[in-house]
């Protein structure tokens, strides 16, 4: 691992809240002032390819990154875009039929639930009360 890759990886872990590439870049730039956004993207891509971090895709175009490699699911706020882990066992991967009609060999399952985070819900409640 290059020095830059180690710093990018450690930054993903330190931020811990499913950061975007730009959020990671902003933090890495404090430690490596000359780093470019493309360097951060390249290192994130390598870390994903090596299985060191995961990508989390939800609504919108932004990709979030996750250092937690254990089986878990995500929830994303449809208002602010925040992504969080959600701990539930209501989705059981073994229920997916590996012999599906489409002929796919199922290797993994990525699920992101969409909702409203507590902060946005509280803000909406206050706005409704003020109206």
N, C-alpha and C. Protein backbone atom coordinates (compact mmCIF):
# COMPACT_ATOMS: atom_id res chain seq x y z
N UNK A 1 0.84 -1.19 0.00
CA UNK A 1 0.00 0.00 0.00
C UNK A 1 0.88 1.24 0.00
N UNK A 2 0.53 2.18 -0.86
CA UNK A 2 1.26 3.43 -0.89
C UNK A 2 0.87 4.28 0.32
N UNK A 3 1.67 5.29 0.60
CA UNK A 3 1.37 6.19 1.71
C UNK A 3 0.01 6.86 1.50
N UNK A 4 -0.24 7.30 0.26
CA UNK A 4 -1.52 7.96 -0.02
C UNK A 4 -2.69 7.00 0.21
N UNK A 5 -2.54 5.74 -0.21
CA UNK A 5 -3.63 4.77 -0.06
C UNK A 5 -3.91 4.49 1.40
N UNK A 6 -2.85 4.39 2.20
CA UNK A 6 -3.02 4.17 3.64
C UNK A 6 -3.77 5.34 4.26
N UNK A 7 -3.41 6.54 3.87
CA UNK A 7 -4.09 7.73 4.43
C UNK A 7 -5.55 7.77 3.99
N UNK A 8 -5.83 7.44 2.73
CA UNK A 8 -7.23 7.41 2.26
C UNK A 8 -8.01 6.36 3.04
N UNK A 9 -7.45 5.16 3.19
CA UNK A 9 -8.12 4.09 3.93
C UNK A 9 -8.38 4.51 5.38
N UNK A 10 -7.36 5.05 6.03
CA UNK A 10 -7.52 5.48 7.43
C UNK A 10 -8.54 6.61 7.55
N UNK A 11 -8.64 7.44 6.54
CA UNK A 11 -9.61 8.54 6.55
C UNK A 11 -11.03 7.99 6.44
N UNK A 12 -11.23 6.99 5.58
CA UNK A 12 -12.56 6.36 5.48
C UNK A 12 -12.96 5.80 6.84
N UNK A 13 -12.02 5.12 7.50
CA UNK A 13 -12.31 4.56 8.82
C UNK A 13 -12.57 5.65 9.85
N UNK A 14 -11.76 6.71 9.83
CA UNK A 14 -11.88 7.78 10.83
C UNK A 14 -13.20 8.53 10.66
N UNK A 15 -13.61 8.78 9.43
CA UNK A 15 -14.87 9.50 9.21
C UNK A 15 -16.05 8.63 9.62
N UNK A 16 -15.97 7.36 9.31
CA UNK A 16 -16.91 6.37 9.83
C UNK A 16 -18.38 6.57 9.54
N UNK A 17 -18.75 7.58 8.81
CA UNK A 17 -20.17 7.84 8.60
C UNK A 17 -20.51 7.74 7.11
N UNK A 18 -19.93 6.76 6.43
CA UNK A 18 -20.18 6.54 5.01
C UNK A 18 -19.89 7.79 4.19
N UNK A 19 -18.65 8.27 4.25
CA UNK A 19 -18.31 9.52 3.57
C UNK A 19 -18.31 9.38 2.05
N UNK A 20 -18.46 10.51 1.39
CA UNK A 20 -18.34 10.58 -0.06
C UNK A 20 -16.86 10.81 -0.40
N UNK A 21 -16.53 10.66 -1.68
CA UNK A 21 -15.15 10.88 -2.11
C UNK A 21 -14.71 12.31 -1.80
N UNK A 22 -15.60 13.28 -1.98
CA UNK A 22 -15.23 14.67 -1.71
C UNK A 22 -14.97 14.89 -0.23
N UNK A 23 -15.79 14.29 0.64
CA UNK A 23 -15.56 14.42 2.08
C UNK A 23 -14.22 13.78 2.47
N UNK A 24 -13.90 12.67 1.85
CA UNK A 24 -12.62 12.01 2.11
C UNK A 24 -11.49 12.89 1.61
N UNK A 25 -11.64 13.43 0.41
CA UNK A 25 -10.64 14.34 -0.16
C UNK A 25 -10.38 15.53 0.75
N UNK A 26 -11.44 16.16 1.25
CA UNK A 26 -11.29 17.32 2.14
C UNK A 26 -10.45 16.98 3.36
N UNK A 27 -10.66 15.81 3.94
CA UNK A 27 -9.92 15.39 5.14
C UNK A 27 -8.48 15.00 4.78
N UNK A 28 -8.31 14.25 3.69
CA UNK A 28 -6.97 13.82 3.28
C UNK A 28 -6.11 15.03 2.95
N UNK A 29 -6.71 16.05 2.34
CA UNK A 29 -5.98 17.25 1.95
C UNK A 29 -5.35 17.96 3.14
N UNK A 30 -5.92 17.78 4.33
CA UNK A 30 -5.32 18.38 5.53
C UNK A 30 -4.00 17.71 5.87
N UNK A 31 -3.90 16.42 5.55
CA UNK A 31 -2.66 15.68 5.84
C UNK A 31 -1.70 15.70 4.65
N UNK A 32 -2.25 15.71 3.45
CA UNK A 32 -1.46 15.75 2.22
C UNK A 32 -1.96 16.93 1.37
N UNK A 33 -1.49 18.14 1.64
CA UNK A 33 -2.03 19.33 0.96
C UNK A 33 -1.97 19.28 -0.56
N UNK A 34 -1.03 18.56 -1.13
CA UNK A 34 -0.89 18.52 -2.59
C UNK A 34 -1.71 17.44 -3.27
N UNK A 35 -2.49 16.68 -2.52
CA UNK A 35 -3.24 15.57 -3.11
C UNK A 35 -4.37 16.09 -3.99
N UNK A 36 -4.62 15.38 -5.08
CA UNK A 36 -5.71 15.78 -5.97
C UNK A 36 -6.93 14.90 -5.73
N UNK A 37 -8.08 15.41 -6.14
CA UNK A 37 -9.31 14.64 -6.02
C UNK A 37 -9.22 13.35 -6.85
N UNK A 38 -8.58 13.43 -8.01
CA UNK A 38 -8.45 12.23 -8.85
C UNK A 38 -7.58 11.18 -8.17
N UNK A 39 -6.58 11.59 -7.41
CA UNK A 39 -5.76 10.64 -6.66
C UNK A 39 -6.58 9.94 -5.59
N UNK A 40 -7.44 10.69 -4.92
CA UNK A 40 -8.32 10.10 -3.91
C UNK A 40 -9.27 9.11 -4.57
N UNK A 41 -9.89 9.50 -5.70
CA UNK A 41 -10.78 8.59 -6.42
C UNK A 41 -10.05 7.31 -6.84
N UNK A 42 -8.85 7.46 -7.38
CA UNK A 42 -8.08 6.31 -7.83
C UNK A 42 -7.79 5.36 -6.67
N UNK A 43 -7.39 5.91 -5.52
CA UNK A 43 -7.08 5.07 -4.36
C UNK A 43 -8.35 4.43 -3.78
N UNK A 44 -9.45 5.15 -3.79
CA UNK A 44 -10.72 4.56 -3.35
C UNK A 44 -11.09 3.38 -4.25
N UNK A 45 -10.93 3.55 -5.54
CA UNK A 45 -11.24 2.49 -6.49
C UNK A 45 -10.38 1.25 -6.24
N UNK A 46 -9.10 1.46 -5.99
CA UNK A 46 -8.20 0.34 -5.70
C UNK A 46 -8.60 -0.35 -4.40
N UNK A 47 -8.93 0.44 -3.38
CA UNK A 47 -9.35 -0.14 -2.10
C UNK A 47 -10.63 -0.95 -2.25
N UNK A 48 -11.55 -0.48 -3.08
CA UNK A 48 -12.79 -1.23 -3.34
C UNK A 48 -12.45 -2.52 -4.09
N UNK A 49 -11.63 -2.41 -5.13
CA UNK A 49 -11.25 -3.59 -5.92
C UNK A 49 -10.54 -4.65 -5.08
N UNK A 50 -9.76 -4.20 -4.10
CA UNK A 50 -9.03 -5.13 -3.23
C UNK A 50 -9.91 -5.68 -2.11
N UNK A 51 -11.13 -5.16 -1.97
CA UNK A 51 -12.04 -5.63 -0.94
C UNK A 51 -11.78 -5.04 0.43
N UNK A 52 -11.05 -3.92 0.48
CA UNK A 52 -10.74 -3.28 1.77
C UNK A 52 -11.86 -2.36 2.24
N UNK A 53 -12.63 -1.82 1.31
CA UNK A 53 -13.79 -0.97 1.63
C UNK A 53 -14.91 -1.32 0.65
N UNK A 54 -16.11 -0.86 0.98
CA UNK A 54 -17.28 -1.09 0.14
C UNK A 54 -17.82 0.23 -0.39
N UNK A 55 -18.51 0.16 -1.52
CA UNK A 55 -19.25 1.33 -1.98
C UNK A 55 -20.70 1.15 -1.56
N UNK A 56 -21.34 2.26 -1.25
CA UNK A 56 -22.75 2.27 -0.89
C UNK A 56 -23.43 3.22 -1.86
N UNK A 57 -24.35 2.70 -2.63
CA UNK A 57 -25.09 3.52 -3.59
C UNK A 57 -26.54 3.60 -3.14
N UNK A 58 -27.06 4.78 -3.20
CA UNK A 58 -28.45 4.99 -2.82
C UNK A 58 -29.08 5.92 -3.82
N UNK A 59 -29.87 6.84 -3.32
CA UNK A 59 -30.50 7.81 -4.20
C UNK A 59 -29.46 8.86 -4.59
N UNK A 60 -29.64 9.48 -5.72
CA UNK A 60 -28.70 10.48 -6.18
C UNK A 60 -27.48 9.85 -6.83
N UNK A 61 -26.53 10.68 -7.20
CA UNK A 61 -25.35 10.23 -7.93
C UNK A 61 -24.16 9.93 -7.03
N UNK A 62 -24.18 10.46 -5.80
CA UNK A 62 -23.00 10.30 -4.94
C UNK A 62 -22.84 8.86 -4.47
N UNK A 63 -21.59 8.43 -4.47
CA UNK A 63 -21.22 7.13 -3.94
C UNK A 63 -20.64 7.37 -2.55
N UNK A 64 -21.04 6.56 -1.60
CA UNK A 64 -20.50 6.63 -0.25
C UNK A 64 -19.60 5.42 -0.04
N UNK A 65 -18.68 5.52 0.90
CA UNK A 65 -17.71 4.46 1.15
C UNK A 65 -17.84 3.97 2.58
N UNK A 66 -17.62 2.67 2.76
CA UNK A 66 -17.83 2.02 4.05
C UNK A 66 -16.67 1.09 4.35
N UNK A 67 -16.10 1.23 5.53
CA UNK A 67 -15.00 0.33 5.94
C UNK A 67 -15.51 -0.91 6.65
N UNK A 68 -16.79 -0.96 6.98
CA UNK A 68 -17.38 -2.10 7.69
C UNK A 68 -17.68 -3.21 6.67
N UNK A 69 -16.89 -4.27 6.72
CA UNK A 69 -17.03 -5.36 5.75
C UNK A 69 -17.95 -6.47 6.23
N UNK A 70 -18.48 -6.35 7.42
CA UNK A 70 -19.40 -7.37 7.94
C UNK A 70 -20.76 -7.22 7.28
N UNK A 71 -21.54 -8.31 7.26
CA UNK A 71 -22.87 -8.26 6.68
C UNK A 71 -23.73 -7.24 7.42
N UNK A 72 -24.22 -6.26 6.69
CA UNK A 72 -25.13 -5.28 7.25
C UNK A 72 -25.79 -4.53 6.11
N UNK A 73 -26.81 -3.75 6.43
CA UNK A 73 -27.56 -3.00 5.44
C UNK A 73 -27.45 -1.51 5.75
N UNK A 74 -27.92 -0.71 4.79
CA UNK A 74 -27.82 0.74 4.93
C UNK A 74 -29.19 1.39 4.77
N UNK A 75 -29.31 2.55 5.37
CA UNK A 75 -30.49 3.40 5.20
C UNK A 75 -29.98 4.79 4.83
N UNK A 76 -30.66 5.42 3.87
CA UNK A 76 -30.25 6.74 3.41
C UNK A 76 -31.41 7.70 3.53
N UNK A 77 -31.12 8.89 4.02
CA UNK A 77 -32.13 9.94 4.13
C UNK A 77 -32.39 10.52 2.74
N UNK A 78 -33.65 10.55 2.35
CA UNK A 78 -34.01 11.07 1.03
C UNK A 78 -33.91 12.60 0.98
N UNK A 79 -33.76 13.24 2.14
CA UNK A 79 -33.70 14.70 2.18
C UNK A 79 -32.25 15.20 2.18
N UNK A 80 -31.44 14.74 3.15
CA UNK A 80 -30.07 15.24 3.26
C UNK A 80 -29.02 14.31 2.66
N UNK A 81 -29.41 13.07 2.35
CA UNK A 81 -28.48 12.13 1.73
C UNK A 81 -27.62 11.34 2.68
N UNK A 82 -27.73 11.60 3.99
CA UNK A 82 -26.94 10.89 4.99
C UNK A 82 -27.18 9.38 4.89
N UNK A 83 -26.10 8.60 5.01
CA UNK A 83 -26.19 7.14 4.97
C UNK A 83 -25.77 6.61 6.34
N UNK A 84 -26.53 5.65 6.86
CA UNK A 84 -26.23 5.02 8.15
C UNK A 84 -26.38 3.52 8.02
N UNK A 85 -25.72 2.80 8.92
CA UNK A 85 -25.94 1.36 9.03
C UNK A 85 -27.29 1.14 9.67
N UNK A 86 -27.97 0.09 9.24
CA UNK A 86 -29.22 -0.30 9.88
C UNK A 86 -29.06 -1.77 10.27
N UNK A 87 -29.32 -2.03 11.52
CA UNK A 87 -29.13 -3.39 12.05
C UNK A 87 -30.48 -4.07 12.16
N UNK A 88 -30.70 -5.00 11.26
CA UNK A 88 -31.96 -5.72 11.24
C UNK A 88 -31.71 -7.09 10.62
N UNK A 89 -32.54 -8.02 10.95
CA UNK A 89 -32.41 -9.34 10.32
C UNK A 89 -33.66 -9.67 9.52
N UNK A 90 -34.41 -8.65 9.10
CA UNK A 90 -35.63 -8.91 8.36
C UNK A 90 -35.34 -9.35 6.93
N UNK A 91 -34.13 -9.12 6.46
CA UNK A 91 -33.74 -9.57 5.13
C UNK A 91 -32.72 -10.68 5.33
N UNK A 92 -33.05 -11.85 4.91
CA UNK A 92 -32.18 -12.99 5.12
C UNK A 92 -31.61 -13.41 3.77
N UNK A 93 -30.29 -13.20 3.57
CA UNK A 93 -29.69 -13.52 2.26
C UNK A 93 -29.94 -14.95 1.81
N UNK A 94 -30.08 -15.90 2.72
CA UNK A 94 -30.29 -17.29 2.31
C UNK A 94 -31.65 -17.50 1.65
N UNK A 95 -32.55 -16.50 1.75
CA UNK A 95 -33.86 -16.61 1.10
C UNK A 95 -33.76 -16.35 -0.40
N UNK A 96 -32.66 -15.81 -0.86
CA UNK A 96 -32.48 -15.55 -2.28
C UNK A 96 -32.19 -16.88 -2.97
N UNK A 97 -32.95 -17.19 -3.99
CA UNK A 97 -32.80 -18.45 -4.70
C UNK A 97 -31.62 -18.35 -5.68
N UNK A 98 -30.54 -19.11 -5.45
CA UNK A 98 -29.38 -19.02 -6.34
C UNK A 98 -29.66 -19.62 -7.73
N UNK A 99 -30.73 -20.36 -7.86
CA UNK A 99 -31.10 -20.95 -9.16
C UNK A 99 -32.24 -20.16 -9.77
N UNK A 100 -32.05 -18.87 -9.93
CA UNK A 100 -33.11 -18.00 -10.42
C UNK A 100 -33.34 -18.19 -11.92
N UNK A 101 -34.49 -17.74 -12.38
CA UNK A 101 -34.88 -17.90 -13.78
C UNK A 101 -33.95 -17.18 -14.74
N UNK A 102 -33.36 -16.09 -14.30
CA UNK A 102 -32.52 -15.28 -15.19
C UNK A 102 -31.15 -15.90 -15.42
N UNK A 103 -30.80 -16.93 -14.64
CA UNK A 103 -29.53 -17.62 -14.83
C UNK A 103 -28.34 -16.99 -14.12
N UNK A 104 -28.59 -15.99 -13.31
CA UNK A 104 -27.49 -15.35 -12.58
C UNK A 104 -26.98 -16.25 -11.48
N UNK A 105 -25.71 -16.16 -11.20
CA UNK A 105 -25.13 -16.78 -10.02
C UNK A 105 -25.02 -15.66 -8.99
N UNK A 106 -25.80 -15.73 -7.93
CA UNK A 106 -25.83 -14.67 -6.93
C UNK A 106 -24.56 -14.76 -6.09
N UNK A 107 -23.80 -13.65 -6.05
CA UNK A 107 -22.56 -13.60 -5.29
C UNK A 107 -22.67 -12.71 -4.06
N UNK A 108 -23.51 -11.69 -4.14
CA UNK A 108 -23.61 -10.75 -3.05
C UNK A 108 -24.96 -10.05 -3.14
N UNK A 109 -25.35 -9.40 -2.05
CA UNK A 109 -26.60 -8.67 -2.03
C UNK A 109 -26.35 -7.34 -1.32
N UNK A 110 -26.65 -6.25 -1.99
CA UNK A 110 -26.47 -4.92 -1.43
C UNK A 110 -27.84 -4.26 -1.37
N UNK A 111 -28.23 -3.85 -0.18
CA UNK A 111 -29.54 -3.25 0.00
C UNK A 111 -29.39 -1.92 0.73
N UNK A 112 -30.02 -0.89 0.18
CA UNK A 112 -30.07 0.41 0.84
C UNK A 112 -31.54 0.80 0.96
N UNK A 113 -31.97 0.99 2.19
CA UNK A 113 -33.33 1.45 2.45
C UNK A 113 -33.34 2.98 2.38
N UNK A 114 -34.44 3.55 1.95
CA UNK A 114 -34.57 5.00 1.82
C UNK A 114 -35.61 5.48 2.81
N UNK A 115 -35.31 6.57 3.51
CA UNK A 115 -36.24 7.11 4.49
C UNK A 115 -35.89 8.54 4.83
N UNK A 116 -36.25 8.96 6.02
CA UNK A 116 -35.95 10.30 6.51
C UNK A 116 -35.21 10.14 7.83
N UNK A 117 -34.02 10.75 7.93
CA UNK A 117 -33.22 10.63 9.16
C UNK A 117 -33.88 11.40 10.30
N UNK A 118 -33.50 11.11 11.54
CA UNK A 118 -34.11 11.80 12.69
C UNK A 118 -33.94 13.32 12.64
N UNK A 119 -32.78 13.79 12.19
CA UNK A 119 -32.54 15.23 12.15
C UNK A 119 -33.49 15.92 11.17
N UNK A 120 -33.63 15.33 9.97
CA UNK A 120 -34.54 15.92 8.98
C UNK A 120 -35.99 15.80 9.42
N UNK A 121 -36.34 14.68 10.06
CA UNK A 121 -37.71 14.51 10.56
C UNK A 121 -38.04 15.57 11.60
N UNK A 122 -37.09 15.84 12.50
CA UNK A 122 -37.31 16.88 13.51
C UNK A 122 -37.44 18.26 12.87
N UNK A 123 -36.60 18.53 11.86
CA UNK A 123 -36.68 19.80 11.17
C UNK A 123 -38.03 19.96 10.47
N UNK A 124 -38.52 18.88 9.85
CA UNK A 124 -39.83 18.91 9.19
C UNK A 124 -40.94 19.15 10.21
N UNK A 125 -40.82 18.54 11.38
CA UNK A 125 -41.83 18.69 12.43
C UNK A 125 -41.88 20.14 12.90
N UNK A 126 -40.71 20.74 13.12
CA UNK A 126 -40.64 22.13 13.56
C UNK A 126 -41.22 23.05 12.49
N UNK A 127 -40.92 22.78 11.22
CA UNK A 127 -41.44 23.61 10.13
C UNK A 127 -42.96 23.51 10.08
N UNK A 128 -43.50 22.30 10.28
CA UNK A 128 -44.95 22.10 10.28
C UNK A 128 -45.61 22.86 11.43
N UNK A 129 -44.96 22.85 12.61
CA UNK A 129 -45.51 23.54 13.77
C UNK A 129 -45.48 25.05 13.58
N UNK A 130 -44.47 25.55 12.87
CA UNK A 130 -44.34 26.99 12.63
C UNK A 130 -45.28 27.49 11.53
N UNK A 131 -45.78 26.59 10.72
CA UNK A 131 -46.63 27.00 9.58
C UNK A 131 -48.03 27.32 10.00
